[in-house]
Amino acid sequence: MDQGLCGRAGKLVTNKTRVYNFKMAVSESVRARKVFVHPVVLFSIVDGFERRSEDAKRVIGTLLGSVDKTSVEIRSCFGVPHNESEDEVAIELEYAKSMFELHKKSHPNDEIVGWYATGSDVTEHSLLIHEYYSRETSNPVHVTVDTTLKGSRMGVRAYQSCKMGVPGKTEGTIFSPIPCEVILTGPERVGVNWLQRTKNTAKQSISPLSDMQHVNSASERLLEMLGTVVAYVDEVLAGKVPGNNSVGRELMDLVTSVPRMSQEDFESILNSNMQDLLMIVYLSGLCKTQISLGEKLATVL
């Protein structure tokens, strides 16, 4: 093991005075062009930061997901205990390995894609921590989450390391930024929308909506989006806004994907689906009533 990096009882211990003598081995594999992060990862990082010990300035952890030819998708993460000071940093390597083995049992397709740290900057200890993850995966991604909320927002940035300097003589390592984007699946989008509703409430909590309220809310949202699209098309046709070929192709695909049917057929399908929805609501209410009665009878007996 190179100078400045030594293992002690399952921990990664680094000495700040030797960091600059450390030579990092970086894989020559293809670098990622973009990083996609799911919201649950950011929630886990913020939760770990809020639960940190009083003397800890930041938290770090392992990022899990998959690597494509040109992109990295981060779907999950877990925190790794560490102690950090001006002179050294110690990481619980055995804990990180055990957590990854447990995660693989429930998510066999996930792999280690990098590591995260809270804060807006890449610190002097980041190079040594990055070296450990370089042994676990080629070209790991380093994600920083700004929990200090500089600029009134939580900045999320992604980096990958690359060599610099004269080969064979003086070499160093820099962290090159990569475009980072937050993506949402269908269930994640529903959860994030519900969380956003709590911002305007005093107790930061809301009551669940009924099924009909969900339908009404979705219909209003659809009408709002259609109004935005129609306004954009009118402005392009009037010459007020230059046309965008990508937007035009997306709109054409949207129009052609809608099946052609008469008003009578549409009303028939809508009424049929509405009856099915009402039947499901009725059956679910009946099941809740039976369960409640069963619990009360069991309590009495």
C-alpha atoms as a PDB file:
ATOM      1  CA  MET A   1       0.000   0.000   0.000  1.00  0.00           C
ATOM      2  CA  ASP A   2       1.331   3.442  -0.925  1.00  0.00           C
ATOM      3  CA  GLN A   3       2.554   6.044   1.506  1.00  0.00           C
ATOM      4  CA  GLY A   4      -0.138   7.958   3.294  1.00  0.00           C
ATOM      5  CA  LEU A   5      -2.568   5.010   3.254  1.00  0.00           C
ATOM      6  CA  CYS A   6      -2.515   2.169   5.757  1.00  0.00           C
ATOM      7  CA  GLY A   7      -5.069  -0.241   7.178  1.00  0.00           C
ATOM      8  CA  ARG A   8      -5.702  -0.571  10.895  1.00  0.00           C
ATOM      9  CA  ALA A   9      -8.321  -2.928  12.304  1.00  0.00           C
ATOM     10  CA  GLY A  10     -10.622  -2.619   9.318  1.00  0.00           C
ATOM     11  CA  LYS A  11     -10.263   1.155   9.065  1.00  0.00           C
ATOM     12  CA  LEU A  12      -8.862   3.381   6.354  1.00  0.00           C
ATOM     13  CA  VAL A  13      -6.532   5.833   8.107  1.00  0.00           C
ATOM     14  CA  THR A  14      -4.876   8.686   6.267  1.00  0.00           C
ATOM     15  CA  ASN A  15      -2.350  11.235   7.402  1.00  0.00           C
ATOM     16  CA  LYS A  16      -2.811  14.751   6.072  1.00  0.00           C
ATOM     17  CA  THR A  17       0.934  15.438   5.976  1.00  0.00           C
ATOM     18  CA  ARG A  18       1.435  12.593   3.510  1.00  0.00           C
ATOM     19  CA  VAL A  19      -1.494  13.190   1.202  1.00  0.00           C
ATOM     20  CA  TYR A  20       0.584  14.936  -1.432  1.00  0.00           C
ATOM     21  CA  ASN A  21       3.015  11.997  -1.682  1.00  0.00           C
ATOM     22  CA  PHE A  22       0.137   9.690  -2.542  1.00  0.00           C
ATOM     23  CA  LYS A  23      -0.010   8.425  -6.105  1.00  0.00           C
ATOM     24  CA  MET A  24      -3.513   7.453  -7.157  1.00  0.00           C
ATOM     25  CA  ALA A  25      -4.181   4.695  -9.701  1.00  0.00           C
ATOM     26  CA  VAL A  26      -7.118   5.593 -11.930  1.00  0.00           C
ATOM     27  CA  SER A  27      -8.722   3.134 -14.298  1.00  0.00           C
ATOM     28  CA  GLU A  28      -8.504   4.011 -17.978  1.00  0.00           C
ATOM     29  CA  SER A  29     -12.086   2.940 -18.669  1.00  0.00           C
ATOM     30  CA  VAL A  30     -14.592   5.173 -20.399  1.00  0.00           C
ATOM     31  CA  ARG A  31     -15.626   8.175 -18.322  1.00  0.00           C
ATOM     32  CA  ALA A  32     -19.289   8.899 -17.671  1.00  0.00           C
ATOM     33  CA  ARG A  33     -20.899  11.826 -19.454  1.00  0.00           C
ATOM     34  CA  LYS A  34     -23.842  12.244 -17.102  1.00  0.00           C
ATOM     35  CA  VAL A  35     -24.975  11.175 -13.645  1.00  0.00           C
ATOM     36  CA  PHE A  36     -28.621  10.493 -12.776  1.00  0.00           C
ATOM     37  CA  VAL A  37     -29.667  10.581  -9.114  1.00  0.00           C
ATOM     38  CA  HIS A  38     -32.988   9.387  -7.672  1.00  0.00           C
ATOM     39  CA  PRO A  39     -34.688  11.497  -4.960  1.00  0.00           C
ATOM     40  CA  VAL A  40     -34.528   8.692  -2.382  1.00  0.00           C
ATOM     41  CA  VAL A  41     -30.727   8.987  -2.478  1.00  0.00           C
ATOM     42  CA  LEU A  42     -30.846  12.677  -1.596  1.00  0.00           C
ATOM     43  CA  PHE A  43     -33.372  11.998   1.189  1.00  0.00           C
ATOM     44  CA  SER A  44     -31.087   9.331   2.670  1.00  0.00           C
ATOM     45  CA  ILE A  45     -28.071  11.658   2.553  1.00  0.00           C
ATOM     46  CA  VAL A  46     -29.939  14.517   4.233  1.00  0.00           C
ATOM     47  CA  ASP A  47     -31.361  12.139   6.867  1.00  0.00           C
ATOM     48  CA  GLY A  48     -27.872  10.847   7.649  1.00  0.00           C
ATOM     49  CA  PHE A  49     -26.575  14.407   7.934  1.00  0.00           C
ATOM     50  CA  GLU A  50     -29.356  15.345  10.354  1.00  0.00           C
ATOM     51  CA  ARG A  51     -28.590  12.290  12.523  1.00  0.00           C
ATOM     52  CA  ARG A  52     -24.813  12.794  12.586  1.00  0.00           C
ATOM     53  CA  SER A  53     -22.884  13.142  15.837  1.00  0.00           C
ATOM     54  CA  GLU A  54     -22.358  16.598  17.263  1.00  0.00           C
ATOM     55  CA  ASP A  55     -18.632  16.710  16.493  1.00  0.00           C
ATOM     56  CA  ALA A  56     -19.014  15.522  12.868  1.00  0.00           C
ATOM     57  CA  LYS A  57     -18.760  18.243  10.232  1.00  0.00           C
ATOM     58  CA  ARG A  58     -19.906  16.070   7.329  1.00  0.00           C
ATOM     59  CA  VAL A  59     -21.066  12.553   6.503  1.00  0.00           C
ATOM     60  CA  ILE A  60     -19.923  10.206   3.765  1.00  0.00           C
ATOM     61  CA  GLY A  61     -21.313   7.010   2.291  1.00  0.00           C
ATOM     62  CA  THR A  62     -21.461   4.555  -0.584  1.00  0.00           C
ATOM     63  CA  LEU A  63     -23.492   5.139  -3.743  1.00  0.00           C
ATOM     64  CA  LEU A  64     -25.211   2.148  -5.362  1.00  0.00           C
ATOM     65  CA  GLY A  65     -26.726   1.761  -8.810  1.00  0.00           C
ATOM     66  CA  SER A  66     -25.680   0.826 -12.310  1.00  0.00           C
ATOM     67  CA  VAL A  67     -23.237   2.086 -14.930  1.00  0.00           C
ATOM     68  CA  ASP A  68     -24.162   2.453 -18.582  1.00  0.00           C
ATOM     69  CA  LYS A  69     -21.740   3.151 -21.417  1.00  0.00           C
ATOM     70  CA  THR A  70     -22.127   6.920 -21.068  1.00  0.00           C
ATOM     71  CA  SER A  71     -24.066   7.458 -17.831  1.00  0.00           C
ATOM     72  CA  VAL A  72     -24.280   6.454 -14.181  1.00  0.00           C
ATOM     73  CA  GLU A  73     -27.627   5.896 -12.441  1.00  0.00           C
ATOM     74  CA  ILE A  74     -27.600   6.163  -8.632  1.00  0.00           C
ATOM     75  CA  ARG A  75     -30.599   4.412  -7.083  1.00  0.00           C
ATOM     76  CA  SER A  76     -29.604   3.898  -3.460  1.00  0.00           C
ATOM     77  CA  CYS A  77     -26.945   4.646  -0.857  1.00  0.00           C
ATOM     78  CA  PHE A  78     -25.921   4.009   2.735  1.00  0.00           C
ATOM     79  CA  GLY A  79     -23.805   5.982   5.171  1.00  0.00           C
ATOM     80  CA  VAL A  80     -20.358   4.863   6.314  1.00  0.00           C
ATOM     81  CA  PRO A  81     -19.114   5.863   9.802  1.00  0.00           C
ATOM     82  CA  HIS A  82     -15.922   7.873   9.776  1.00  0.00           C
ATOM     83  CA  ASN A  83     -13.895  10.228  11.951  1.00  0.00           C
ATOM     84  CA  GLU A  84     -12.272  13.230  10.377  1.00  0.00           C
ATOM     85  CA  SER A  85      -9.844  15.783  11.769  1.00  0.00           C
ATOM     86  CA  GLU A  86      -7.228  18.150  10.424  1.00  0.00           C
ATOM     87  CA  ASP A  87      -4.499  15.505  10.573  1.00  0.00           C
ATOM     88  CA  GLU A  88      -6.235  12.243   9.659  1.00  0.00           C
ATOM     89  CA  VAL A  89      -9.438  10.535   8.596  1.00  0.00           C
ATOM     90  CA  ALA A  90     -10.570   7.010   9.548  1.00  0.00           C
ATOM     91  CA  ILE A  91     -13.275   5.016   7.750  1.00  0.00           C
ATOM     92  CA  GLU A  92     -14.956   1.793   8.873  1.00  0.00           C
ATOM     93  CA  LEU A  93     -14.184  -0.405   5.858  1.00  0.00           C
ATOM     94  CA  GLU A  94     -15.615  -3.585   7.360  1.00  0.00           C
ATOM     95  CA  TYR A  95     -18.927  -1.820   7.997  1.00  0.00           C
ATOM     96  CA  ALA A  96     -19.061  -0.649   4.376  1.00  0.00           C
ATOM     97  CA  LYS A  97     -18.400  -4.170   3.086  1.00  0.00           C
ATOM     98  CA  SER A  98     -21.044  -5.722   5.357  1.00  0.00           C
ATOM     99  CA  MET A  99     -23.664  -3.164   4.339  1.00  0.00           C
ATOM    100  CA  PHE A 100     -22.957  -3.740   0.658  1.00  0.00           C
ATOM    101  CA  GLU A 101     -23.298  -7.520   1.065  1.00  0.00           C
ATOM    102  CA  LEU A 102     -26.664  -7.066   2.802  1.00  0.00           C
ATOM    103  CA  HIS A 103     -27.836  -4.687   0.075  1.00  0.00           C
ATOM    104  CA  LYS A 104     -26.868  -7.185  -2.641  1.00  0.00           C
ATOM    105  CA  LYS A 105     -29.211  -9.766  -1.150  1.00  0.00           C
ATOM    106  CA  SER A 106     -32.250  -7.555  -1.771  1.00  0.00           C
ATOM    107  CA  HIS A 107     -30.932  -5.713  -4.858  1.00  0.00           C
ATOM    108  CA  PRO A 108     -28.662  -8.120  -6.745  1.00  0.00           C
ATOM    109  CA  ASN A 109     -28.397  -5.837  -9.786  1.00  0.00           C
ATOM    110  CA  ASP A 110     -26.962  -2.878  -7.859  1.00  0.00           C
ATOM    111  CA  GLU A 111     -23.239  -2.246  -7.806  1.00  0.00           C
ATOM    112  CA  ILE A 112     -20.983   0.277  -6.116  1.00  0.00           C
ATOM    113  CA  VAL A 113     -20.751   3.299  -8.412  1.00  0.00           C
ATOM    114  CA  GLY A 114     -19.011   5.761  -6.096  1.00  0.00           C
ATOM    115  CA  TRP A 115     -19.362   7.668  -2.849  1.00  0.00           C
ATOM    116  CA  TYR A 116     -20.945  10.827  -1.513  1.00  0.00           C
ATOM    117  CA  ALA A 117     -20.060  13.534   0.983  1.00  0.00           C
ATOM    118  CA  THR A 118     -22.028  16.443   2.370  1.00  0.00           C
ATOM    119  CA  GLY A 119     -20.656  19.914   1.741  1.00  0.00           C
ATOM    120  CA  SER A 120     -20.084  22.084  -1.301  1.00  0.00           C
ATOM    121  CA  ASP A 121     -16.342  21.488  -1.754  1.00  0.00           C
ATOM    122  CA  VAL A 122     -13.946  18.615  -2.376  1.00  0.00           C
ATOM    123  CA  THR A 123     -11.698  18.482   0.685  1.00  0.00           C
ATOM    124  CA  GLU A 124      -8.080  17.382   1.046  1.00  0.00           C
ATOM    125  CA  HIS A 125      -9.141  14.004   2.438  1.00  0.00           C
ATOM    126  CA  SER A 126     -11.395  13.272  -0.536  1.00  0.00           C
ATOM    127  CA  LEU A 127      -8.488  11.923  -2.614  1.00  0.00           C
ATOM    128  CA  LEU A 128      -7.680   9.193  -0.086  1.00  0.00           C
ATOM    129  CA  ILE A 129     -11.317   8.201   0.343  1.00  0.00           C
ATOM    130  CA  HIS A 130     -11.706   8.185  -3.423  1.00  0.00           C
ATOM    131  CA  GLU A 131      -8.791   5.773  -3.729  1.00  0.00           C
ATOM    132  CA  TYR A 132     -10.612   3.179  -1.640  1.00  0.00           C
ATOM    133  CA  TYR A 133     -13.678   3.314  -3.905  1.00  0.00           C
ATOM    134  CA  SER A 134     -11.383   3.121  -6.949  1.00  0.00           C
ATOM    135  CA  ARG A 135     -10.497  -0.382  -5.780  1.00  0.00           C
ATOM    136  CA  GLU A 136     -14.196  -1.312  -5.552  1.00  0.00           C
ATOM    137  CA  THR A 137     -15.196   0.007  -9.003  1.00  0.00           C
ATOM    138  CA  SER A 138     -13.534   1.590 -12.004  1.00  0.00           C
ATOM    139  CA  ASN A 139     -13.777   5.380 -12.210  1.00  0.00           C
ATOM    140  CA  PRO A 140     -16.060   5.890  -9.190  1.00  0.00           C
ATOM    141  CA  VAL A 141     -18.337   8.917  -9.042  1.00  0.00           C
ATOM    142  CA  HIS A 142     -17.997  11.406  -6.203  1.00  0.00           C
ATOM    143  CA  VAL A 143     -21.214  13.296  -5.394  1.00  0.00           C
ATOM    144  CA  THR A 144     -21.317  16.313  -3.088  1.00  0.00           C
ATOM    145  CA  VAL A 145     -24.572  17.483  -1.505  1.00  0.00           C
ATOM    146  CA  ASP A 146     -24.490  21.036  -0.157  1.00  0.00           C
ATOM    147  CA  THR A 147     -26.384  20.754   3.125  1.00  0.00           C
ATOM    148  CA  THR A 148     -25.365  24.317   4.058  1.00  0.00           C
ATOM    149  CA  LEU A 149     -27.896  25.553   1.450  1.00  0.00           C
ATOM    150  CA  LYS A 150     -25.665  28.142  -0.168  1.00  0.00           C
ATOM    151  CA  GLY A 151     -27.710  30.274  -2.510  1.00  0.00           C
ATOM    152  CA  SER A 152     -30.921  29.095  -0.784  1.00  0.00           C
ATOM    153  CA  ARG A 153     -30.802  25.692  -2.456  1.00  0.00           C
ATOM    154  CA  MET A 154     -29.252  22.282  -1.914  1.00  0.00           C
ATOM    155  CA  GLY A 155     -26.646  21.997  -4.647  1.00  0.00           C
ATOM    156  CA  VAL A 156     -25.825  18.523  -5.968  1.00  0.00           C
ATOM    157  CA  ARG A 157     -22.609  18.040  -7.954  1.00  0.00           C
ATOM    158  CA  ALA A 158     -20.876  14.993  -9.394  1.00  0.00           C
ATOM    159  CA  TYR A 159     -17.178  14.448 -10.116  1.00  0.00           C
ATOM    160  CA  GLN A 160     -14.815  11.848 -11.496  1.00  0.00           C
ATOM    161  CA  SER A 161     -11.074  11.812 -10.931  1.00  0.00           C
ATOM    162  CA  CYS A 162      -8.505  12.127 -13.719  1.00  0.00           C
ATOM    163  CA  LYS A 163      -4.724  12.295 -13.829  1.00  0.00           C
ATOM    164  CA  MET A 164      -2.722  15.415 -14.482  1.00  0.00           C
ATOM    165  CA  GLY A 165       0.986  16.204 -14.723  1.00  0.00           C
ATOM    166  CA  VAL A 166       3.995  14.587 -16.401  1.00  0.00           C
ATOM    167  CA  PRO A 167       3.786  10.758 -16.585  1.00  0.00           C
ATOM    168  CA  GLY A 168       6.648   9.093 -14.751  1.00  0.00           C
ATOM    169  CA  LYS A 169       7.758  12.292 -13.033  1.00  0.00           C
ATOM    170  CA  THR A 170       5.212  14.514 -11.347  1.00  0.00           C
ATOM    171  CA  GLU A 171       1.616  13.363 -11.400  1.00  0.00           C
ATOM    172  CA  GLY A 172      -1.468  14.572  -9.601  1.00  0.00           C
ATOM    173  CA  THR A 173      -5.202  13.988  -9.529  1.00  0.00           C
ATOM    174  CA  ILE A 174      -8.033  16.428 -10.098  1.00  0.00           C
ATOM    175  CA  PHE A 175     -11.780  15.986  -9.743  1.00  0.00           C
ATOM    176  CA  SER A 176     -13.479  16.816 -13.028  1.00  0.00           C
ATOM    177  CA  PRO A 177     -17.175  17.853 -12.806  1.00  0.00           C
ATOM    178  CA  ILE A 178     -19.872  15.841 -14.607  1.00  0.00           C
ATOM    179  CA  PRO A 179     -23.434  16.993 -15.416  1.00  0.00           C
ATOM    180  CA  CYS A 180     -25.766  15.733 -12.684  1.00  0.00           C
ATOM    181  CA  GLU A 181     -29.550  15.405 -13.007  1.00  0.00           C
ATOM    182  CA  VAL A 182     -32.280  14.239 -10.623  1.00  0.00           C
ATOM    183  CA  ILE A 183     -34.676  11.751 -12.241  1.00  0.00           C
ATOM    184  CA  LEU A 184     -37.959  10.377 -10.906  1.00  0.00           C
ATOM    185  CA  THR A 185     -39.941   7.222 -11.531  1.00  0.00           C
ATOM    186  CA  GLY A 186     -43.745   7.250 -11.367  1.00  0.00           C
ATOM    187  CA  PRO A 187     -44.051   6.346  -7.658  1.00  0.00           C
ATOM    188  CA  GLU A 188     -41.187   8.696  -6.764  1.00  0.00           C
ATOM    189  CA  ARG A 189     -42.872  11.573  -8.558  1.00  0.00           C
ATOM    190  CA  VAL A 190     -46.072  10.977  -6.566  1.00  0.00           C
ATOM    191  CA  GLY A 191     -44.114  10.972  -3.305  1.00  0.00           C
ATOM    192  CA  VAL A 192     -42.189  14.132  -4.158  1.00  0.00           C
ATOM    193  CA  ASN A 193     -45.396  15.923  -5.153  1.00  0.00           C
ATOM    194  CA  TRP A 194     -46.938  15.007  -1.797  1.00  0.00           C
ATOM    195  CA  LEU A 195     -43.883  16.279   0.043  1.00  0.00           C
ATOM    196  CA  GLN A 196     -44.050  19.564  -1.839  1.00  0.00           C
ATOM    197  CA  ARG A 197     -47.630  20.036  -0.643  1.00  0.00           C
ATOM    198  CA  THR A 198     -46.429  20.155   2.968  1.00  0.00           C
ATOM    199  CA  LYS A 199     -44.369  23.314   2.369  1.00  0.00           C
ATOM    200  CA  ASN A 200     -47.447  25.542   2.540  1.00  0.00           C
ATOM    201  CA  THR A 201     -48.911  24.010   5.717  1.00  0.00           C
ATOM    202  CA  ALA A 202     -48.202  25.176   9.271  1.00  0.00           C
ATOM    203  CA  LYS A 203     -47.687  21.683  10.710  1.00  0.00           C
ATOM    204  CA  GLN A 204     -45.939  20.408   7.548  1.00  0.00           C
ATOM    205  CA  SER A 205     -48.462  17.592   7.259  1.00  0.00           C
ATOM    206  CA  ILE A 206     -51.444  16.982   4.991  1.00  0.00           C
ATOM    207  CA  SER A 207     -54.352  14.557   4.910  1.00  0.00           C
ATOM    208  CA  PRO A 208     -54.637  11.935   2.164  1.00  0.00           C
ATOM    209  CA  LEU A 209     -56.929  12.795  -0.740  1.00  0.00           C
ATOM    210  CA  SER A 210     -59.852  10.646  -1.806  1.00  0.00           C
ATOM    211  CA  ASP A 211     -59.839   8.832  -5.154  1.00  0.00           C
ATOM    212  CA  MET A 212     -62.168  11.368  -6.759  1.00  0.00           C
ATOM    213  CA  GLN A 213     -59.967  14.218  -5.509  1.00  0.00           C
ATOM    214  CA  HIS A 214     -56.986  12.506  -7.126  1.00  0.00           C
ATOM    215  CA  VAL A 215     -58.859  12.311 -10.431  1.00  0.00           C
ATOM    216  CA  ASN A 216     -59.877  15.962 -10.155  1.00  0.00           C
ATOM    217  CA  SER A 217     -56.324  17.077  -9.326  1.00  0.00           C
ATOM    218  CA  ALA A 218     -54.858  15.066 -12.207  1.00  0.00           C
ATOM    219  CA  SER A 219     -57.426  16.503 -14.620  1.00  0.00           C
ATOM    220  CA  GLU A 220     -56.634  20.068 -13.554  1.00  0.00           C
ATOM    221  CA  ARG A 221     -52.922  19.411 -13.961  1.00  0.00           C
ATOM    222  CA  LEU A 222     -53.509  17.940 -17.426  1.00  0.00           C
ATOM    223  CA  LEU A 223     -55.558  20.963 -18.494  1.00  0.00           C
ATOM    224  CA  GLU A 224     -52.821  23.270 -17.242  1.00  0.00           C
ATOM    225  CA  MET A 225     -50.142  21.440 -19.246  1.00  0.00           C
ATOM    226  CA  LEU A 226     -52.332  21.393 -22.361  1.00  0.00           C
ATOM    227  CA  GLY A 227     -52.847  25.134 -21.992  1.00  0.00           C
ATOM    228  CA  THR A 228     -49.073  25.658 -21.860  1.00  0.00           C
ATOM    229  CA  VAL A 229     -48.574  23.560 -25.002  1.00  0.00           C
ATOM    230  CA  VAL A 230     -51.345  25.354 -26.924  1.00  0.00           C
ATOM    231  CA  ALA A 231     -49.936  28.770 -25.923  1.00  0.00           C
ATOM    232  CA  TYR A 232     -46.467  27.724 -27.127  1.00  0.00           C
ATOM    233  CA  VAL A 233     -47.817  26.470 -30.481  1.00  0.00           C
ATOM    234  CA  ASP A 234     -49.794  29.692 -31.009  1.00  0.00           C
ATOM    235  CA  GLU A 235     -46.695  31.804 -30.325  1.00  0.00           C
ATOM    236  CA  VAL A 236     -44.618  29.745 -32.780  1.00  0.00           C
ATOM    237  CA  LEU A 237     -47.268  30.031 -35.501  1.00  0.00           C
ATOM    238  CA  ALA A 238     -47.488  33.790 -34.907  1.00  0.00           C
ATOM    239  CA  GLY A 239     -43.717  34.137 -35.240  1.00  0.00           C
ATOM    240  CA  LYS A 240     -43.228  35.435 -31.699  1.00  0.00           C
ATOM    241  CA  VAL A 241     -41.103  32.469 -30.606  1.00  0.00           C
ATOM    242  CA  PRO A 242     -38.642  30.522 -32.813  1.00  0.00           C
ATOM    243  CA  GLY A 243     -39.650  26.908 -33.356  1.00  0.00           C
ATOM    244  CA  ASN A 244     -37.744  24.054 -31.737  1.00  0.00           C
ATOM    245  CA  ASN A 245     -37.337  20.882 -33.796  1.00  0.00           C
ATOM    246  CA  SER A 246     -37.050  18.655 -30.721  1.00  0.00           C
ATOM    247  CA  VAL A 247     -40.235  20.062 -29.199  1.00  0.00           C
ATOM    248  CA  GLY A 248     -42.014  19.687 -32.532  1.00  0.00           C
ATOM    249  CA  ARG A 249     -41.071  16.017 -32.793  1.00  0.00           C
ATOM    250  CA  GLU A 250     -42.217  15.389 -29.222  1.00  0.00           C
ATOM    251  CA  LEU A 251     -45.566  17.066 -29.943  1.00  0.00           C
ATOM    252  CA  MET A 252     -45.974  15.049 -33.144  1.00  0.00           C
ATOM    253  CA  ASP A 253     -45.318  11.805 -31.251  1.00  0.00           C
ATOM    254  CA  LEU A 254     -47.841  12.909 -28.629  1.00  0.00           C
ATOM    255  CA  VAL A 255     -50.529  13.649 -31.203  1.00  0.00           C
ATOM    256  CA  THR A 256     -49.998  10.426 -33.141  1.00  0.00           C
ATOM    257  CA  SER A 257     -50.071   8.334 -29.934  1.00  0.00           C
ATOM    258  CA  VAL A 258     -53.650   9.393 -29.164  1.00  0.00           C
ATOM    259  CA  PRO A 259     -56.093   6.869 -30.685  1.00  0.00           C
ATOM    260  CA  ARG A 260     -58.737   8.238 -33.035  1.00  0.00           C
ATOM    261  CA  MET A 261     -62.280   7.679 -31.795  1.00  0.00           C
ATOM    262  CA  SER A 262     -65.640   9.364 -31.874  1.00  0.00           C
ATOM    263  CA  GLN A 263     -67.150  11.255 -28.957  1.00  0.00           C
ATOM    264  CA  GLU A 264     -69.616   8.430 -28.313  1.00  0.00           C
ATOM    265  CA  ASP A 265     -66.803   5.875 -28.070  1.00  0.00           C
ATOM    266  CA  PHE A 266     -64.820   8.133 -25.742  1.00  0.00           C
ATOM    267  CA  GLU A 267     -67.789   8.679 -23.423  1.00  0.00           C
ATOM    268  CA  SER A 268     -68.508   4.943 -23.396  1.00  0.00           C
ATOM    269  CA  ILE A 269     -64.911   4.114 -22.399  1.00  0.00           C
ATOM    270  CA  LEU A 270     -64.863   6.888 -19.785  1.00  0.00           C
ATOM    271  CA  ASN A 271     -68.149   5.744 -18.218  1.00  0.00           C
ATOM    272  CA  SER A 272     -66.995   2.131 -18.175  1.00  0.00           C
ATOM    273  CA  ASN A 273     -63.721   3.017 -16.436  1.00  0.00           C
ATOM    274  CA  MET A 274     -65.577   5.267 -14.009  1.00  0.00           C
ATOM    275  CA  GLN A 275     -67.909   2.424 -13.052  1.00  0.00           C
ATOM    276  CA  ASP A 276     -64.925   0.145 -12.482  1.00  0.00           C
ATOM    277  CA  LEU A 277     -63.301   2.783 -10.293  1.00  0.00           C
ATOM    278  CA  LEU A 278     -66.465   3.259  -8.236  1.00  0.00           C
ATOM    279  CA  MET A 279     -66.769  -0.507  -7.801  1.00  0.00           C
ATOM    280  CA  ILE A 280     -63.171  -0.717  -6.526  1.00  0.00           C
ATOM    281  CA  VAL A 281     -63.820   2.157  -4.111  1.00  0.00           C
ATOM    282  CA  TYR A 282     -66.980   0.426  -2.854  1.00  0.00           C
ATOM    283  CA  LEU A 283     -65.221  -2.925  -2.365  1.00  0.00           C
ATOM    284  CA  SER A 284     -62.277  -1.315  -0.563  1.00  0.00           C
ATOM    285  CA  GLY A 285     -64.668   0.521   1.769  1.00  0.00           C
ATOM    286  CA  LEU A 286     -66.533  -2.727   2.423  1.00  0.00           C
ATOM    287  CA  CYS A 287     -63.277  -4.532   3.276  1.00  0.00           C
ATOM    288  CA  LYS A 288     -62.269  -1.766   5.697  1.00  0.00           C
ATOM    289  CA  THR A 289     -65.664  -2.009   7.409  1.00  0.00           C
ATOM    290  CA  GLN A 290     -65.399  -5.795   7.780  1.00  0.00           C
ATOM    291  CA  ILE A 291     -61.883  -5.539   9.177  1.00  0.00           C
ATOM    292  CA  SER A 292     -62.988  -2.909  11.687  1.00  0.00           C
ATOM    293  CA  LEU A 293     -65.951  -5.035  12.789  1.00  0.00           C
ATOM    294  CA  GLY A 294     -63.725  -8.081  13.107  1.00  0.00           C
ATOM    295  CA  GLU A 295     -61.266  -6.185  15.336  1.00  0.00           C
ATOM    296  CA  LYS A 296     -64.096  -4.942  17.587  1.00  0.00           C
ATOM    297  CA  LEU A 297     -65.621  -8.432  17.894  1.00  0.00           C
ATOM    298  CA  ALA A 298     -62.224  -9.903  18.723  1.00  0.00           C
ATOM    299  CA  THR A 299     -61.751  -7.254  21.435  1.00  0.00           C
ATOM    300  CA  VAL A 300     -65.169  -7.979  22.949  1.00  0.00           C
ATOM    301  CA  LEU A 301     -64.686 -11.750  22.943  1.00  0.00           C
END
